Amino acid sequence: MNLTFKQLLIAGGPILFVLTALSIYSIALIWERWTVYKKTFNGMDDMLHKAHALLKSGELRQLSDLCAKSKTPAGDIIFKVISHYGNAVEKRELAEKAVEWHVSRLGKSLTAIATIGSISPFVGLFGTVIGVIRAFKDLSTYAGAGPSVVAMGIAEALINTAAGIFVAIPAIIAYNYFAHKANEFASEMNWLTEQVIERSAHREYSGIA
């Protein structure tokens, strides 16, 4: 018995429609996150390269001007740290809160993407179990029948398994990519703000001396 693509979709049953809905939702979330990340990190590498050079030469005023003009999260964080008049401890607290805020913004919807990537194979497996049960039920009902009797049940089992994996793979890849970018941003900003704080403290100490 040859099954057409339409028949395979019908064989997938309600579970396949659930997986289709999860796939559409996952793609929408991934696209939304991709748009946000692209906008967030646009021009940030160039800004950080200049920031490292200015910080190395001790040009904190120029660094402050650069960050004030930069429309990136990195510029916003560094500018807040430099312009804050508190001591080193207060600046560290400010930096931590600023980095945490931006990372939480980047992490929005990642839990949903990770959840879809985790549960989709199990949803497909559930459809597989239902298909196998149906196949054995049909086989027992029509004793002596050929393989065509159980073909739809087996097809349902296979199509749902494949669909579950198909939905999970891009969701897991996207989650890992976005999470890595967010963690990389946090690490870079924690290191850079600490350097800014140390430079500021050294300059203030030198000025007092």
Foldseek 3Di string as FASTA:
>chain_A
DDDDPVLLCVLLPPLLVVLVVLLVVLVVLLVVLVVVVCVQCVVVVVLVVVLVVCLVVLVLVVNLVSLVPDPHLLSVLLNCLSPDPDALVVSLVSSVVSLVVVLVVSCPCLVVLQVLLVCLLVSLQVQLVQLVVVLVVQCVVDDPDDPVSSVSSNSNSVVSNVSSNVSNVVSVVSSVVSNVVSVVSSVVSSVSSNSVNVSVVVVVVVVVD
